[in-house]
């Protein structure tokens, strides 16, 4: 699943390689080219921005440099966020960012071709304001060069601003989802919500910070061993899809019920010997993303990835700098809540030819 908007830590965990091209200079002069990733989320208590250097050296291979931390991090930079009032463009405050090791923050980088220690990023802790624009400024204290980018904030802490039907229903038992059907036309009707931007929102000629929405339904269940009594919890993320946020302030999902039946069975698979399944409540998530994030995702999708991809590094960037800085600094919003699978769906899953081999016998609630 393309977990929404590349959750920030997925972005922070990647190594950076330059784009592949058949056009190059054998002895091109060295330049500091920043690679920046930061994804603000108002619901987060801490915010991180990863800042590295692209691999540029005429005498070393990129694979060799990928293993050398000194080739990837700046030795002397200052990183700040400037808070700008979106209405009058005045700077109302400056927030210094502190360099931290993400491993110590609970986000270790996996082992591989790239070095995994140290694992630096720049951190600040402050409540984000949805009527502010946040300008990232990176200053190289040795050369004086600056890189910068701006991001609006999506308000995801106010249910009055960002609503989600099932998540906002009172009481978890009333937040019921029904997908008891093998019909190719029957759909789930109550997966919808809305986002209301701040009054007279202003950012790059947009009337809202939101350009794209994605929903994910996480199926949760317990494998219970009838021989040993051991119970093990499992989960599976089912991507309900990503769509442009173009219909005013509302969004609507109408997935086919049979697709959800296939989805939960696909996540579980046939039950092993002695295993029966108990369904737990699902986690329903809605994610909203900015126009920059939407464009970034579209560019990546068009370029492709892997051996057949056109580029290793996506060509879209909203980072501005004298040496063609790369990356993305923007924001997202998300809301997640528990949803109860109703009794008729549980009964259907027990006996349906689609899911009978999953050996679902009931619920944990």
Protein backbone atom coordinates (compact mmCIF):
# COMPACT_ATOMS: atom_id res chain seq x y z
CA UNK A 1 0.00 0.00 0.00
CA UNK A 2 1.20 3.53 -0.65
CA UNK A 3 0.67 4.52 2.93
CA UNK A 4 -0.52 7.91 2.83
CA UNK A 5 1.65 10.55 1.64
CA UNK A 6 4.69 8.63 2.49
CA UNK A 7 4.41 8.90 6.23
CA UNK A 8 7.17 11.19 7.31
CA UNK A 9 9.36 8.49 8.77
CA UNK A 10 9.32 6.62 5.48
CA UNK A 11 10.71 9.75 3.85
CA UNK A 12 13.24 10.23 6.59
CA UNK A 13 14.48 6.67 6.29
CA UNK A 14 15.44 6.77 2.62
CA UNK A 15 18.91 7.23 1.24
CA UNK A 16 19.43 9.74 -1.54
CA UNK A 17 20.99 9.14 -4.91
CA UNK A 18 21.25 11.67 -7.75
CA UNK A 19 19.13 11.28 -10.84
CA UNK A 20 20.50 9.13 -13.63
CA UNK A 21 21.26 10.95 -16.85
CA UNK A 22 23.19 10.33 -20.05
CA UNK A 23 24.30 13.99 -20.05
CA UNK A 24 27.18 14.73 -17.69
CA UNK A 25 30.45 16.60 -17.37
CA UNK A 26 33.52 14.52 -16.68
CA UNK A 27 35.01 17.18 -14.40
CA UNK A 28 31.96 19.13 -13.28
CA UNK A 29 32.71 21.51 -10.39
CA UNK A 30 31.53 20.40 -6.95
CA UNK A 31 28.36 22.00 -5.66
CA UNK A 32 26.46 21.67 -2.40
CA UNK A 33 23.07 20.35 -3.46
CA UNK A 34 20.64 19.95 -0.58
CA UNK A 35 18.12 17.11 -0.42
CA UNK A 36 15.31 17.99 1.97
CA UNK A 37 12.26 16.10 3.23
CA UNK A 38 9.78 17.37 5.79
CA UNK A 39 6.09 16.64 6.22
CA UNK A 40 4.34 18.76 8.85
CA UNK A 41 1.30 17.37 10.65
CA UNK A 42 -0.62 19.51 13.12
CA UNK A 43 -1.48 16.45 15.21
CA UNK A 44 2.20 15.60 15.81
CA UNK A 45 3.92 16.74 18.99
CA UNK A 46 7.34 16.83 17.30
CA UNK A 47 8.23 17.75 13.73
CA UNK A 48 11.28 16.55 11.78
CA UNK A 49 13.05 17.72 8.63
CA UNK A 50 15.74 15.56 7.06
CA UNK A 51 18.51 17.49 5.31
CA UNK A 52 21.28 15.76 3.36
CA UNK A 53 23.61 16.35 0.45
CA UNK A 54 23.35 14.72 -2.94
CA UNK A 55 26.26 12.45 -3.83
CA UNK A 56 28.51 14.52 -6.06
CA UNK A 57 32.17 13.65 -6.47
CA UNK A 58 34.17 13.05 -9.63
CA UNK A 59 36.58 10.65 -7.92
CA UNK A 60 34.26 8.40 -5.91
CA UNK A 61 31.32 6.22 -6.79
CA UNK A 62 27.88 6.99 -5.40
CA UNK A 63 27.79 3.53 -3.81
CA UNK A 64 31.00 4.29 -1.89
CA UNK A 65 29.74 7.71 -0.82
CA UNK A 66 26.44 6.21 0.31
CA UNK A 67 28.37 4.46 3.07
CA UNK A 68 30.11 7.61 4.30
CA UNK A 69 28.10 9.86 6.67
CA UNK A 70 30.43 12.82 6.00
CA UNK A 71 29.44 12.68 2.32
CA UNK A 72 25.77 12.98 3.22
CA UNK A 73 25.42 15.54 5.98
CA UNK A 74 26.40 19.18 6.23
CA UNK A 75 28.94 19.96 8.94
CA UNK A 76 27.77 23.50 9.66
CA UNK A 77 24.24 24.65 8.84
CA UNK A 78 21.56 26.62 10.63
CA UNK A 79 17.96 25.52 10.22
CA UNK A 80 14.98 27.65 11.21
CA UNK A 81 11.25 27.87 10.57
CA UNK A 82 9.73 31.30 10.06
CA UNK A 83 6.05 31.69 10.95
CA UNK A 84 4.32 33.93 8.42
CA UNK A 85 0.82 35.33 8.75
CA UNK A 86 -0.91 34.23 5.54
CA UNK A 87 -3.03 37.38 5.37
CA UNK A 88 -0.41 40.13 5.63
CA UNK A 89 2.77 38.09 4.94
CA UNK A 90 4.44 39.35 8.12
CA UNK A 91 6.96 37.14 9.92
CA UNK A 92 5.54 36.64 13.41
CA UNK A 93 8.25 34.43 14.85
CA UNK A 94 11.27 32.24 14.19
CA UNK A 95 11.67 28.68 15.44
CA UNK A 96 15.20 27.20 15.63
CA UNK A 97 15.52 23.52 14.72
CA UNK A 98 17.86 21.22 16.64
CA UNK A 99 19.83 18.40 15.04
CA UNK A 100 18.89 15.03 16.52
CA UNK A 101 19.64 11.40 15.75
CA UNK A 102 16.41 9.78 14.61
CA UNK A 103 17.53 6.44 16.04
CA UNK A 104 17.46 8.02 19.48
CA UNK A 105 14.04 9.49 18.65
CA UNK A 106 12.66 6.01 18.01
CA UNK A 107 13.00 5.97 14.22
CA UNK A 108 16.01 3.78 13.36
CA UNK A 109 17.18 3.57 9.77
CA UNK A 110 17.28 0.01 8.37
CA UNK A 111 20.59 -1.56 7.40
CA UNK A 112 21.51 -1.73 3.72
CA UNK A 113 23.71 -0.11 1.09
CA UNK A 114 23.34 3.24 2.82
CA UNK A 115 24.95 4.03 6.15
CA UNK A 116 22.47 3.85 9.00
CA UNK A 117 24.33 5.72 11.71
CA UNK A 118 24.30 8.54 12.42
CA UNK A 119 20.73 9.16 11.32
CA UNK A 120 20.38 12.93 11.58
CA UNK A 121 17.35 15.14 11.14
CA UNK A 122 16.30 18.55 12.42
CA UNK A 123 13.56 18.79 15.02
CA UNK A 124 11.24 21.34 16.54
CA UNK A 125 8.33 21.05 18.95
CA UNK A 126 5.57 23.61 18.62
CA UNK A 127 1.83 23.58 18.03
CA UNK A 128 1.17 24.41 14.39
CA UNK A 129 -1.32 27.14 13.50
CA UNK A 130 -3.50 26.64 10.40
CA UNK A 131 -3.54 30.38 9.59
CA UNK A 132 0.25 30.49 9.41
CA UNK A 133 2.57 29.65 6.55
CA UNK A 134 5.73 27.87 7.71
CA UNK A 135 8.88 28.84 5.84
CA UNK A 136 11.86 26.52 6.16
CA UNK A 137 15.23 28.29 5.80
CA UNK A 138 18.50 26.35 5.65
CA UNK A 139 21.69 28.42 5.81
CA UNK A 140 25.10 26.97 5.01
CA UNK A 141 27.26 28.80 7.53
CA UNK A 142 30.42 28.14 5.50
CA UNK A 143 29.27 29.31 2.05
CA UNK A 144 26.37 31.57 3.07
CA UNK A 145 24.07 29.76 0.62
CA UNK A 146 20.42 29.37 1.56
CA UNK A 147 17.71 26.86 0.66
CA UNK A 148 14.08 27.44 1.54
CA UNK A 149 10.53 26.21 1.09
CA UNK A 150 7.06 27.12 2.36
CA UNK A 151 4.17 25.01 3.58
CA UNK A 152 0.60 25.73 4.67
CA UNK A 153 -0.91 23.69 7.52
CA UNK A 154 -3.92 21.37 7.28
CA UNK A 155 -6.02 21.57 10.42
CA UNK A 156 -6.55 17.99 11.65
CA UNK A 157 -7.13 18.62 15.36
CA UNK A 158 -10.57 20.22 15.03
CA UNK A 159 -13.43 17.85 14.21
CA UNK A 160 -15.45 20.89 13.17
CA UNK A 161 -12.91 21.63 10.44
CA UNK A 162 -11.97 18.10 9.35
CA UNK A 163 -14.97 15.80 9.72
CA UNK A 164 -15.21 12.08 9.06
CA UNK A 165 -18.64 10.44 9.33
CA UNK A 166 -17.84 7.14 11.03
CA UNK A 167 -14.98 8.49 13.12
CA UNK A 168 -17.16 11.28 14.50
CA UNK A 169 -20.17 9.12 15.39
CA UNK A 170 -20.71 8.96 19.15
CA UNK A 171 -19.64 5.66 20.72
CA UNK A 172 -17.53 3.01 19.03
CA UNK A 173 -20.45 0.56 18.88
CA UNK A 174 -22.41 2.99 16.70
CA UNK A 175 -19.51 3.35 14.24
CA UNK A 176 -20.52 0.28 12.28
CA UNK A 177 -19.42 -0.76 8.84
CA UNK A 178 -21.29 -3.36 6.80
CA UNK A 179 -19.74 -5.19 3.86
CA UNK A 180 -21.78 -8.38 3.92
CA UNK A 181 -22.21 -8.96 0.20
CA UNK A 182 -20.75 -10.77 -2.80
CA UNK A 183 -22.51 -8.40 -5.20
CA UNK A 184 -20.40 -6.52 -7.72
CA UNK A 185 -22.56 -3.41 -7.34
CA UNK A 186 -23.38 -3.13 -3.63
CA UNK A 187 -21.27 -0.40 -1.96
CA UNK A 188 -20.49 0.89 1.52
CA UNK A 189 -22.43 4.17 1.86
CA UNK A 190 -21.05 5.98 4.92
CA UNK A 191 -17.37 6.62 4.25
CA UNK A 192 -17.34 10.37 3.77
CA UNK A 193 -16.32 13.64 5.35
CA UNK A 194 -15.34 17.24 4.70
CA UNK A 195 -12.65 19.84 5.22
CA UNK A 196 -13.31 23.54 5.73
CA UNK A 197 -10.26 25.79 5.14
CA UNK A 198 -9.64 28.92 7.22
CA UNK A 199 -11.63 31.97 6.19
CA UNK A 200 -10.12 33.64 3.13
CA UNK A 201 -7.28 31.11 2.96
CA UNK A 202 -4.28 32.41 1.00
CA UNK A 203 -1.35 30.36 -0.26
CA UNK A 204 -0.01 30.41 -3.82
CA UNK A 205 -3.42 31.37 -5.26
CA UNK A 206 -5.13 28.35 -3.72
CA UNK A 207 -8.37 28.68 -1.74
CA UNK A 208 -7.66 25.62 0.42
CA UNK A 209 -4.51 23.82 1.58
CA UNK A 210 -6.06 20.48 0.58
CA UNK A 211 -5.61 18.99 -2.89
CA UNK A 212 -5.80 15.24 -2.36
CA UNK A 213 -7.42 12.70 -0.03
CA UNK A 214 -6.69 9.06 0.70
CA UNK A 215 -8.48 6.56 2.92
CA UNK A 216 -7.14 3.39 4.50
CA UNK A 217 -9.15 0.72 6.32
CA UNK A 218 -6.99 -1.38 8.64
CA UNK A 219 -8.42 -4.82 9.36
CA UNK A 220 -7.48 -6.16 12.79
CA UNK A 221 -7.93 -9.71 14.00
CA UNK A 222 -6.59 -12.31 16.41
CA UNK A 223 -5.28 -15.74 15.45
CA UNK A 224 -6.35 -18.12 18.21
CA UNK A 225 -4.67 -21.52 18.43
CA UNK A 226 -7.26 -24.09 19.53
CA UNK A 227 -4.50 -26.52 20.51
CA UNK A 228 -2.22 -24.28 22.60
CA UNK A 229 -4.55 -21.44 23.50
CA UNK A 230 -2.01 -18.88 22.22
CA UNK A 231 -3.51 -15.74 20.69
CA UNK A 232 -1.62 -13.48 18.28
CA UNK A 233 -2.89 -10.12 16.99
CA UNK A 234 -2.54 -9.22 13.29
CA UNK A 235 -3.50 -6.33 11.02
CA UNK A 236 -3.72 -5.59 7.31
CA UNK A 237 -3.98 -2.17 5.63
CA UNK A 238 -6.53 -2.00 2.82
CA UNK A 239 -6.07 1.08 0.65
CA UNK A 240 -9.45 2.54 -0.30
CA UNK A 241 -7.78 4.80 -2.82
CA UNK A 242 -6.46 8.28 -3.46
CA UNK A 243 -8.49 10.93 -5.22
CA UNK A 244 -8.22 14.65 -6.03
CA UNK A 245 -10.06 16.87 -3.58
CA UNK A 246 -12.03 18.69 -6.24
CA UNK A 247 -15.67 18.57 -5.13
CA UNK A 248 -15.90 21.64 -2.94
CA UNK A 249 -15.13 20.77 0.67
CA UNK A 250 -16.38 17.17 0.81
CA UNK A 251 -14.97 13.75 0.04
CA UNK A 252 -16.80 10.46 -0.48
CA UNK A 253 -15.73 6.83 -0.75
CA UNK A 254 -18.07 4.10 -1.97
CA UNK A 255 -15.99 0.92 -2.08
CA UNK A 256 -17.67 -2.26 -3.25
CA UNK A 257 -18.56 -4.51 -0.34
CA UNK A 258 -17.21 -7.56 -2.14
CA UNK A 259 -13.86 -5.80 -2.51
CA UNK A 260 -13.65 -5.40 1.26
CA UNK A 261 -14.52 -9.08 1.70
CA UNK A 262 -11.71 -9.98 -0.71
CA UNK A 263 -9.48 -7.46 1.05
CA UNK A 264 -9.87 -8.92 4.52
CA UNK A 265 -9.42 -12.45 3.22
CA UNK A 266 -6.39 -11.39 1.19
CA UNK A 267 -4.85 -9.96 4.35
CA UNK A 268 -5.60 -13.02 6.46
CA UNK A 269 -5.11 -15.82 3.98
CA UNK A 270 -6.29 -19.37 4.69
CA UNK A 271 -6.15 -20.28 8.36
CA UNK A 272 -3.29 -22.64 9.31
CA UNK A 273 -4.03 -25.85 11.18
CA UNK A 274 -5.55 -25.29 14.66
CA UNK A 275 -6.03 -21.56 13.96
CA UNK A 276 -9.38 -19.78 14.15
CA UNK A 277 -9.86 -16.04 13.64
CA UNK A 278 -11.55 -13.45 15.83
CA UNK A 279 -12.31 -10.11 14.18
CA UNK A 280 -11.40 -6.95 16.09
CA UNK A 281 -12.53 -3.41 15.32
CA UNK A 282 -11.03 -1.76 12.24
CA UNK A 283 -9.02 1.46 12.12
CA UNK A 284 -10.44 3.87 9.55
CA UNK A 285 -8.06 6.62 8.43
CA UNK A 286 -8.51 9.63 6.18
CA UNK A 287 -5.45 11.57 5.02
CA UNK A 288 -5.43 14.97 3.37
CA UNK A 289 -2.48 16.36 1.44
CA UNK A 290 -1.40 19.67 -0.07
CA UNK A 291 -1.00 20.62 -3.72
CA UNK A 292 2.78 20.19 -3.50
CA UNK A 293 2.35 16.73 -2.03
CA UNK A 294 -0.16 15.83 -4.72
CA UNK A 295 2.22 16.96 -7.48
CA UNK A 296 5.12 15.10 -5.89
CA UNK A 297 3.09 11.87 -5.84
CA UNK A 298 1.96 12.33 -9.44
CA UNK A 299 5.53 12.86 -10.63
CA UNK A 300 6.71 9.75 -8.82
CA UNK A 301 3.86 7.73 -10.33
CA UNK A 302 4.67 8.96 -13.85
CA UNK A 303 8.40 8.37 -13.52
CA UNK A 304 8.00 4.91 -12.09
CA UNK A 305 10.39 3.24 -9.71
CA UNK A 306 12.72 0.29 -9.79
CA UNK A 307 14.70 -0.96 -12.80
CA UNK A 308 12.23 0.47 -15.31
CA UNK A 309 11.91 3.89 -13.66
CA UNK A 310 13.18 6.96 -15.45
CA UNK A 311 14.75 8.54 -12.38
CA UNK A 312 15.96 7.46 -8.96
CA UNK A 313 15.25 10.90 -7.51
CA UNK A 314 11.87 12.44 -8.36
CA UNK A 315 12.27 15.56 -10.50
CA UNK A 316 9.60 17.57 -8.68
CA UNK A 317 10.86 19.74 -5.85
CA UNK A 318 9.47 22.72 -3.95
CA UNK A 319 12.84 23.48 -2.32
CA UNK A 320 14.33 26.72 -3.64
CA UNK A 321 18.09 27.25 -3.66
CA UNK A 322 20.98 28.51 -5.77
CA UNK A 323 22.24 24.99 -6.48
CA UNK A 324 18.99 23.26 -7.49
CA UNK A 325 18.02 21.84 -4.13
CA UNK A 326 15.76 18.79 -4.26
CA UNK A 327 13.01 17.37 -2.10
CA UNK A 328 9.72 18.22 -0.48
CA UNK A 329 8.67 20.36 2.46
CA UNK A 330 4.91 20.49 2.94
CA UNK A 331 2.14 19.17 5.18
CA UNK A 332 -0.61 16.63 5.54
CA UNK A 333 -3.53 16.06 7.89
CA UNK A 334 -5.04 12.83 9.08
CA UNK A 335 -7.77 11.44 11.28
CA UNK A 336 -8.10 7.86 12.48
CA UNK A 337 -10.79 6.14 14.52
CA UNK A 338 -12.13 2.72 15.45
CA UNK A 339 -14.93 1.22 13.36
CA UNK A 340 -16.99 -1.82 14.36
CA UNK A 341 -17.66 -4.58 11.83
CA UNK A 342 -21.37 -5.26 12.26
CA UNK A 343 -22.88 -8.64 13.15
CA UNK A 344 -24.33 -9.32 9.71
CA UNK A 345 -20.87 -8.91 8.15
CA UNK A 346 -19.30 -11.27 10.70
CA UNK A 347 -21.98 -13.87 9.92
CA UNK A 348 -21.36 -13.42 6.19
CA UNK A 349 -17.58 -13.78 6.55
CA UNK A 350 -17.98 -17.06 8.45
CA UNK A 351 -19.81 -18.79 5.59
CA UNK A 352 -19.05 -16.90 2.37
CA UNK A 353 -17.24 -18.95 -0.27
CA UNK A 354 -14.82 -16.04 -0.58
CA UNK A 355 -13.68 -16.05 3.04
CA UNK A 356 -14.70 -19.38 4.54
CA UNK A 357 -11.10 -20.69 4.49
CA UNK A 358 -10.04 -17.83 6.76
CA UNK A 359 -11.97 -19.69 9.49
CA UNK A 360 -13.53 -16.64 11.11
CA UNK A 361 -15.55 -17.71 14.15
CA UNK A 362 -16.48 -14.44 15.86
CA UNK A 363 -15.14 -11.20 17.31
CA UNK A 364 -13.02 -10.05 20.24
CA UNK A 365 -15.62 -7.43 21.19
